Protein backbone atom coordinates (compact mmCIF):
# COMPACT_ATOMS: atom_id res chain seq x y z
CA MET A 1 0.00 0.00 0.00
CA THR A 2 1.35 3.41 -0.94
CA ASP A 3 1.60 6.21 1.58
CA ARG A 4 -0.55 9.19 0.61
CA LYS A 5 -0.79 10.87 3.98
CA PRO A 6 -2.19 14.43 4.03
CA VAL A 7 0.24 17.27 3.50
CA SER A 8 1.02 19.42 6.51
CA ALA A 9 -0.16 23.04 6.46
CA ARG A 10 3.47 24.09 6.99
CA LEU A 11 6.49 22.46 5.42
CA GLU A 12 9.42 22.17 7.79
CA SER A 13 11.66 21.73 4.78
CA LEU A 14 10.65 25.16 3.52
CA ASP A 15 11.71 26.82 6.77
CA ILE A 16 15.03 24.97 6.59
CA LEU A 17 15.65 25.81 2.92
CA ARG A 18 14.77 29.45 3.50
CA GLY A 19 17.10 29.38 6.48
CA ALA A 20 19.92 27.95 4.37
CA ASP A 21 19.39 30.75 1.85
CA MET A 22 19.62 33.41 4.58
CA PHE A 23 22.57 31.67 6.25
CA LEU A 24 24.46 31.80 2.95
CA LEU A 25 23.61 35.47 2.48
CA LEU A 26 24.19 36.72 6.02
CA PHE A 27 26.80 34.43 7.55
CA LEU A 28 28.63 31.96 5.35
CA GLY A 29 29.03 34.18 2.29
CA PRO A 30 30.40 37.35 3.95
CA VAL A 31 32.69 35.39 6.28
CA LEU A 32 34.14 33.14 3.56
CA LEU A 33 34.53 36.00 1.09
CA ASN A 34 36.52 38.05 3.58
CA ALA A 35 38.57 34.97 4.47
CA CYS A 36 39.39 34.60 0.76
CA LYS A 37 40.64 38.18 0.74
CA LEU A 38 42.97 37.37 3.64
CA TRP A 39 44.21 34.16 2.04
CA PRO A 40 43.83 34.64 -1.74
CA GLU A 41 46.16 31.80 -2.62
CA GLY A 42 44.05 28.93 -3.95
CA THR A 43 40.69 30.56 -3.12
CA ALA A 44 39.94 32.28 -6.44
CA TRP A 45 37.19 29.81 -7.39
CA LEU A 46 35.47 30.11 -4.01
CA SER A 47 35.71 33.90 -4.07
CA HIS A 48 34.17 33.91 -7.56
CA GLN A 49 31.22 31.81 -6.36
CA LEU A 50 30.50 34.28 -3.54
CA GLN A 51 30.14 37.37 -5.73
CA HIS A 52 27.59 38.18 -8.42
CA VAL A 53 28.92 37.66 -11.93
CA LYS A 54 29.70 40.91 -13.73
CA TRP A 55 27.17 40.25 -16.47
CA GLU A 56 26.58 36.91 -18.23
CA GLY A 57 26.75 33.62 -16.32
CA PHE A 58 25.63 32.25 -12.98
CA VAL A 59 27.37 31.37 -9.71
CA VAL A 60 26.26 30.18 -6.26
CA TRP A 61 25.75 33.74 -5.00
CA ASP A 62 23.27 34.40 -7.81
CA ILE A 63 20.75 31.84 -6.54
CA ILE A 64 20.02 33.68 -3.28
CA MET A 65 17.51 36.20 -4.63
CA PRO A 66 15.69 33.80 -7.03
CA LEU A 67 15.33 31.26 -4.23
CA PHE A 68 13.92 33.92 -1.89
CA LEU A 69 11.28 34.85 -4.52
CA PHE A 70 10.60 31.22 -5.39
CA MET A 71 9.94 30.25 -1.77
CA SER A 72 7.48 33.11 -1.33
CA GLY A 73 5.50 31.44 -4.10
CA ILE A 74 5.65 27.98 -2.50
CA THR A 75 3.80 29.28 0.55
CA ILE A 76 0.77 30.47 -1.43
CA PRO A 77 -0.92 27.08 -2.10
CA PHE A 78 -0.57 26.29 1.61
CA SER A 79 -1.62 29.60 3.12
CA MET A 80 -4.45 30.18 0.63
CA ALA A 81 -5.73 26.61 0.30
CA ARG A 82 -9.12 27.57 1.77
CA TYR A 83 -9.91 29.64 -1.31
CA LYS A 84 -9.52 26.54 -3.44
CA ALA A 85 -11.81 24.69 -1.04
CA GLY A 86 -14.70 27.05 -1.75
CA GLU A 87 -14.17 30.09 0.45
CA LYS A 88 -14.61 33.36 -1.42
CA PRO A 89 -11.88 35.99 -1.03
CA GLY A 90 -13.38 39.00 0.69
CA ARG A 91 -12.31 42.45 1.76
CA ALA A 92 -9.97 41.03 4.42
CA PHE A 93 -8.06 39.04 1.79
CA TYR A 94 -7.41 42.04 -0.43
CA LEU A 95 -6.51 44.30 2.48
CA LYS A 96 -4.01 41.72 3.75
CA LEU A 97 -2.52 41.41 0.29
CA LEU A 98 -2.26 45.20 -0.02
CA ARG A 99 -0.71 45.47 3.43
CA ARG A 100 1.91 42.87 2.56
CA PHE A 101 2.74 44.74 -0.64
CA ILE A 102 3.09 48.08 1.15
CA VAL A 103 5.13 46.70 4.06
CA LEU A 104 7.58 44.90 1.76
CA PHE A 105 8.05 48.03 -0.35
CA PHE A 106 8.51 50.13 2.78
CA LEU A 107 11.12 47.75 4.18
CA GLY A 108 12.87 47.85 0.81
CA TRP A 109 12.96 51.65 1.07
CA LEU A 110 14.52 51.37 4.52
CA VAL A 111 17.28 48.92 3.67
CA GLN A 112 18.17 49.99 0.13
CA GLY A 113 15.98 52.88 -0.95
CA ASN A 114 17.76 55.56 1.10
CA LEU A 115 14.52 56.50 2.86
CA LEU A 116 16.36 57.21 6.12
CA LEU A 117 18.54 59.81 4.40
CA TRP A 118 15.47 62.08 4.14
CA ASP A 119 16.67 63.40 0.79
CA TRP A 120 14.09 63.18 -2.00
CA LYS A 121 16.63 63.21 -4.82
CA LEU A 122 18.46 60.20 -3.31
CA PHE A 123 15.29 58.16 -2.78
CA HIS A 124 15.11 54.87 -4.71
CA PRO A 125 11.50 53.61 -4.91
CA PHE A 126 12.23 50.26 -6.60
CA ALA A 127 15.68 48.78 -6.02
CA ASN A 128 15.43 45.85 -3.61
CA THR A 129 14.72 42.13 -3.37
CA LEU A 130 11.80 42.68 -0.97
CA GLN A 131 10.08 44.86 -3.56
CA ALA A 132 10.59 42.22 -6.24
CA ILE A 133 8.93 39.74 -3.88
CA ALA A 134 6.07 42.19 -3.26
CA VAL A 135 5.30 42.47 -6.97
CA GLY A 136 5.63 38.77 -7.70
CA TYR A 137 3.67 37.73 -4.62
CA VAL A 138 0.67 39.95 -5.36
CA VAL A 139 0.47 38.83 -8.99
CA THR A 140 0.81 35.16 -8.03
CA ALA A 141 -1.65 35.31 -5.13
CA LEU A 142 -4.33 36.92 -7.29
CA LEU A 143 -3.80 34.38 -10.06
CA PHE A 144 -3.85 31.47 -7.61
CA VAL A 145 -7.10 32.58 -6.00
CA HIS A 146 -8.94 33.58 -9.16
CA THR A 147 -7.72 31.07 -11.76
CA ASP A 148 -7.09 27.35 -11.98
CA THR A 149 -3.67 25.82 -12.56
CA LYS A 150 -4.09 25.95 -16.33
CA GLY A 151 -4.84 29.66 -16.14
CA GLN A 152 -1.80 30.23 -13.96
CA ILE A 153 0.42 28.41 -16.44
CA VAL A 154 -0.97 30.49 -19.31
CA ALA A 155 -0.33 33.67 -17.30
CA ALA A 156 3.26 32.60 -16.53
CA LEU A 157 3.90 31.85 -20.21
CA LEU A 158 2.38 35.19 -21.22
CA LEU A 159 4.53 37.18 -18.76
CA PHE A 160 7.59 35.20 -19.86
CA ALA A 161 6.80 35.81 -23.53
CA LEU A 162 6.17 39.55 -23.05
CA TYR A 163 9.63 40.00 -21.54
CA TRP A 164 11.29 38.00 -24.32
CA VAL A 165 9.35 39.90 -27.02
CA ALA A 166 10.45 43.24 -25.53
CA PHE A 167 14.06 42.19 -26.12
CA ALA A 168 13.32 40.60 -29.50
CA LEU A 169 11.82 43.88 -30.73
CA THR A 170 15.09 45.62 -29.90
CA GLY A 171 17.27 43.07 -31.68
CA MET A 172 18.03 41.06 -28.51
CA ASN A 173 20.37 43.83 -27.40
CA VAL A 174 21.84 42.83 -24.03
CA ASP A 175 24.31 45.67 -23.64
CA PRO A 176 24.47 46.48 -19.88
CA GLN A 177 23.38 50.11 -20.39
CA GLU A 178 21.43 50.00 -23.65
CA ASN A 179 19.17 46.97 -23.24
CA VAL A 180 15.41 47.55 -23.21
CA ALA A 181 15.01 46.72 -19.51
CA MET A 182 17.58 49.36 -18.59
CA THR A 183 15.98 51.85 -20.98
CA VAL A 184 12.60 51.34 -19.30
CA ASP A 185 14.13 51.75 -15.83
CA LYS A 186 15.84 54.98 -16.81
CA ALA A 187 12.65 56.34 -18.37
CA VAL A 188 10.33 55.37 -15.50
CA LEU A 189 12.56 55.92 -12.47
CA GLY A 190 14.75 58.75 -13.76
CA PHE A 191 17.04 60.18 -11.10
CA HIS A 192 15.31 57.95 -8.54
CA ARG A 193 16.89 54.89 -10.12
CA ASP A 194 19.64 53.36 -8.01
CA GLY A 195 23.06 54.06 -9.47
CA VAL A 196 22.68 57.81 -10.05
CA ALA A 197 25.54 60.24 -9.35
CA TRP A 198 24.80 63.82 -8.32
CA ALA A 199 27.17 66.75 -8.94
CA GLU A 200 27.53 69.82 -6.75
CA ASP A 201 25.71 71.98 -9.31
CA GLY A 202 22.60 69.81 -8.96
CA SER A 203 23.06 67.89 -12.21
CA TRP A 204 22.95 64.09 -12.24
CA ARG A 205 23.93 61.16 -14.44
CA PHE A 206 23.40 57.42 -14.64
CA MET A 207 26.49 55.51 -13.53
CA LYS A 208 27.59 52.71 -15.83
CA ARG A 209 28.61 50.48 -12.94
CA TYR A 210 24.95 49.99 -11.98
CA GLN A 211 23.39 47.35 -14.24
CA TYR A 212 20.37 46.03 -12.33
CA THR A 213 16.86 46.51 -13.71
CA TRP A 214 13.50 46.39 -11.95
CA VAL A 215 10.46 47.70 -13.84
CA LEU A 216 10.35 45.50 -16.94
CA SER A 217 12.10 42.74 -15.00
CA SER A 218 9.02 42.57 -12.77
CA LEU A 219 7.45 40.41 -15.47
CA ASN A 220 9.98 37.69 -14.75
CA PHE A 221 9.95 38.37 -11.00
CA ALA A 222 6.32 37.31 -11.17
CA VAL A 223 7.24 34.25 -13.25
CA THR A 224 9.78 33.18 -10.62
CA VAL A 225 7.20 33.46 -7.83
CA LEU A 226 4.67 31.61 -10.02
CA LEU A 227 7.20 28.80 -10.48
CA GLY A 228 7.39 28.57 -6.70
CA CYS A 229 3.60 28.44 -6.56
CA PHE A 230 3.60 25.55 -9.04
CA ALA A 231 6.13 23.72 -6.87
CA GLY A 232 3.92 24.32 -3.83
CA GLN A 233 0.92 22.88 -5.63
CA MET A 234 2.92 19.82 -6.59
CA LEU A 235 3.94 19.33 -2.96
CA ARG A 236 0.28 19.57 -1.91
CA CYS A 237 -0.85 16.95 -4.42
CA GLU A 238 -2.28 14.16 -2.25
CA LYS A 239 -2.74 11.87 -5.26
CA ARG A 240 0.97 11.15 -5.12
CA THR A 241 3.14 9.69 -2.42
CA PRO A 242 5.53 12.09 -0.63
CA ALA A 243 8.46 10.53 -2.49
CA GLY A 244 6.53 10.89 -5.75
CA ARG A 245 5.98 14.57 -5.05
CA ALA A 246 9.70 15.09 -4.50
CA LEU A 247 10.53 13.22 -7.72
CA GLY A 248 8.03 15.25 -9.73
CA VAL A 249 9.44 18.54 -8.45
CA ALA A 250 12.99 17.36 -9.21
CA LEU A 251 12.08 16.37 -12.79
CA VAL A 252 10.55 19.79 -13.45
CA GLY A 253 13.76 21.34 -12.11
CA ILE A 254 15.91 19.32 -14.49
CA ALA A 255 13.68 20.28 -17.43
CA LEU A 256 13.86 24.00 -16.57
CA ILE A 257 17.65 23.94 -16.21
CA ALA A 258 17.96 22.19 -19.57
CA ALA A 259 15.61 24.72 -21.19
CA GLY A 260 17.58 27.63 -19.75
CA LEU A 261 20.87 26.26 -21.03
CA LEU A 262 19.49 25.34 -24.47
CA LEU A 263 18.00 28.80 -24.99
CA SER A 264 20.95 30.72 -23.56
CA PRO A 265 22.67 31.17 -26.96
CA LEU A 266 19.55 33.12 -28.02
CA PHE A 267 19.14 35.05 -24.77
CA PRO A 268 22.08 34.83 -22.34
CA ILE A 269 21.67 33.98 -18.65
CA ILE A 270 21.96 37.40 -16.99
CA LYS A 271 20.75 37.81 -13.44
CA LYS A 272 21.06 41.61 -13.30
CA ILE A 273 18.25 42.06 -15.83
CA TRP A 274 16.47 38.83 -14.76
CA SER A 275 16.68 37.50 -18.31
CA SER A 276 14.26 34.86 -19.47
CA THR A 277 16.89 32.11 -19.56
CA MET A 278 18.06 33.14 -16.09
CA THR A 279 14.45 32.78 -14.93
CA LEU A 280 14.33 29.24 -16.32
CA TYR A 281 17.79 28.23 -15.14
CA SER A 282 17.49 29.64 -11.61
CA GLY A 283 13.93 28.35 -11.37
CA GLY A 284 15.18 24.87 -12.20
CA ILE A 285 17.80 25.07 -9.47
CA CYS A 286 15.13 26.22 -7.03
CA PHE A 287 12.94 23.24 -7.96
CA LEU A 288 15.86 20.86 -7.39
CA LEU A 289 16.76 22.42 -4.02
CA THR A 290 13.13 22.27 -2.96
CA ALA A 291 12.83 18.62 -3.99
CA LEU A 292 16.04 17.66 -2.20
CA THR A 293 15.16 19.48 1.03
CA TYR A 294 11.57 18.20 0.98
CA TYR A 295 12.76 14.62 0.48
CA ILE A 296 15.40 14.82 3.22
CA VAL A 297 13.32 16.65 5.82
CA ASP A 298 9.62 15.94 5.19
CA VAL A 299 9.79 12.55 3.49
CA ARG A 300 12.72 10.85 5.22
CA GLY A 301 12.56 12.85 8.44
CA TRP A 302 16.31 13.49 8.50
CA ARG A 303 16.38 16.70 10.51
CA ARG A 304 19.48 16.20 12.65
CA GLY A 305 21.97 18.94 11.98
CA LEU A 306 19.46 20.95 9.93
CA SER A 307 16.79 22.19 12.32
CA TRP A 308 18.96 25.10 13.53
CA LEU A 309 18.52 26.68 10.10
CA LYS A 310 14.94 27.49 11.11
CA ILE A 311 16.45 30.22 13.29
CA TYR A 312 17.05 32.07 10.03
CA GLY A 313 14.18 30.58 8.05
CA MET A 314 11.34 31.48 10.40
CA ASN A 315 12.52 35.09 10.69
CA ALA A 316 13.88 35.55 7.20
CA ILE A 317 12.54 39.08 6.65
CA THR A 318 13.93 40.23 10.01
CA ALA A 319 17.29 38.60 9.28
CA TYR A 320 17.48 40.15 5.83
CA CYS A 321 16.57 43.67 6.97
CA ILE A 322 19.00 43.70 9.89
CA GLY A 323 21.71 42.07 7.80
CA GLU A 324 21.47 44.83 5.19
CA PHE A 325 22.51 47.39 7.81
CA LEU A 326 25.50 45.42 9.13
CA PRO A 327 28.91 46.14 7.56
CA HIS A 328 31.10 43.26 6.35
CA ALA A 329 34.19 45.10 5.06
CA THR A 330 36.75 43.03 6.97
CA PHE A 331 36.97 39.45 8.21
CA PRO A 332 36.61 40.32 11.95
CA GLN A 333 33.74 42.64 11.13
CA ALA A 334 31.97 40.06 8.96
CA LEU A 335 32.41 37.27 11.50
CA GLY A 336 31.45 39.40 14.50
CA ASN A 337 28.32 40.85 12.90
CA ALA A 338 27.27 37.47 11.53
CA VAL A 339 27.57 35.88 15.00
CA LEU A 340 25.76 38.81 16.59
CA LEU A 341 22.88 38.53 14.14
CA PHE A 342 22.66 34.76 14.65
CA CYS A 343 22.48 35.23 18.43
CA LEU A 344 19.73 37.83 18.06
CA LEU A 345 17.71 35.58 15.75
CA GLY A 346 18.30 32.64 18.08
CA LEU A 347 16.94 34.65 20.99
CA MET A 348 13.86 35.58 18.95
CA TYR A 349 13.38 31.96 17.89
CA ARG A 350 13.65 30.71 21.48
CA ASN A 351 11.05 33.24 22.61
CA LYS A 352 8.82 32.52 19.57
CA LEU A 353 9.06 36.07 18.25
CA PHE A 354 8.47 35.97 14.50
CA LEU A 355 7.94 38.90 12.16
CA LYS A 356 4.92 38.10 10.03
CA ILE A 357 3.94 40.29 7.10
């Protein structure tokens, strides 16, 4: 007899995977990168993996943001399951969704939007991971509640296609400063775009070193969160055994990685503009990481040595926001601040203090 036990309302594996993502961002990455600077001999490969690629390509450090977005999508089929069971979304649902959107944008303004500088010309309204999550989460939640899975897939394909077409209409130009996503950002955000230099006479210019895009890239932010939502629905499928769910998620991951690599000669994998192939490739990695963690933790029950990651995972927004304010310029500084943040999160975890948005 196969085991088709009901799926828990909360996946422990998700808390652990989210925790691993935050641990890499806030502890392991900064500490190891600064250690590589102290001992550069033989650490070039590791150092490369802990810094975003300059333009084309993908390294370990580049999976942090896609995984954060992806996991926000996984939660939707679990937290909003009642709407699929017949409950109609009312005023409270939309107000909660709006509140989440506003709070995430506000936190993004605090940690990366220069809001605390109280200088209008230096304010960056859209320049942070939390804001990318806000956009993708709202789009995905509305689609999940109001459409079936087929409709959600069509919407994901449409968003994906619109982004690709925007580049196709401009000759697939992926120049860091002249691509269509950058052009849209410059036109919409103007001097409020991150990466603007101001002169003493009040004039300003776009700096070439800044290559991230946000407005048009929101199409693929939403696709990444939708991919997470699809993974969440697969993990909730009670028609399959737990091991079968993990296998299905893993196979989708392999297919997405293959698609991203096969299409990359047409549209390179570029995280900074959230290119379509990067969306596929990183989404595939997220599916594989989800499948592996789900199988280890929720299917096999192997939690020893992993449960401590929930200290980060169950307070991920808090960890991220505090971590953005902590400097990591030197090895002692990186190690000391990382330990301090871990202790603070551990204290919150022990006292069951969790920031919920």
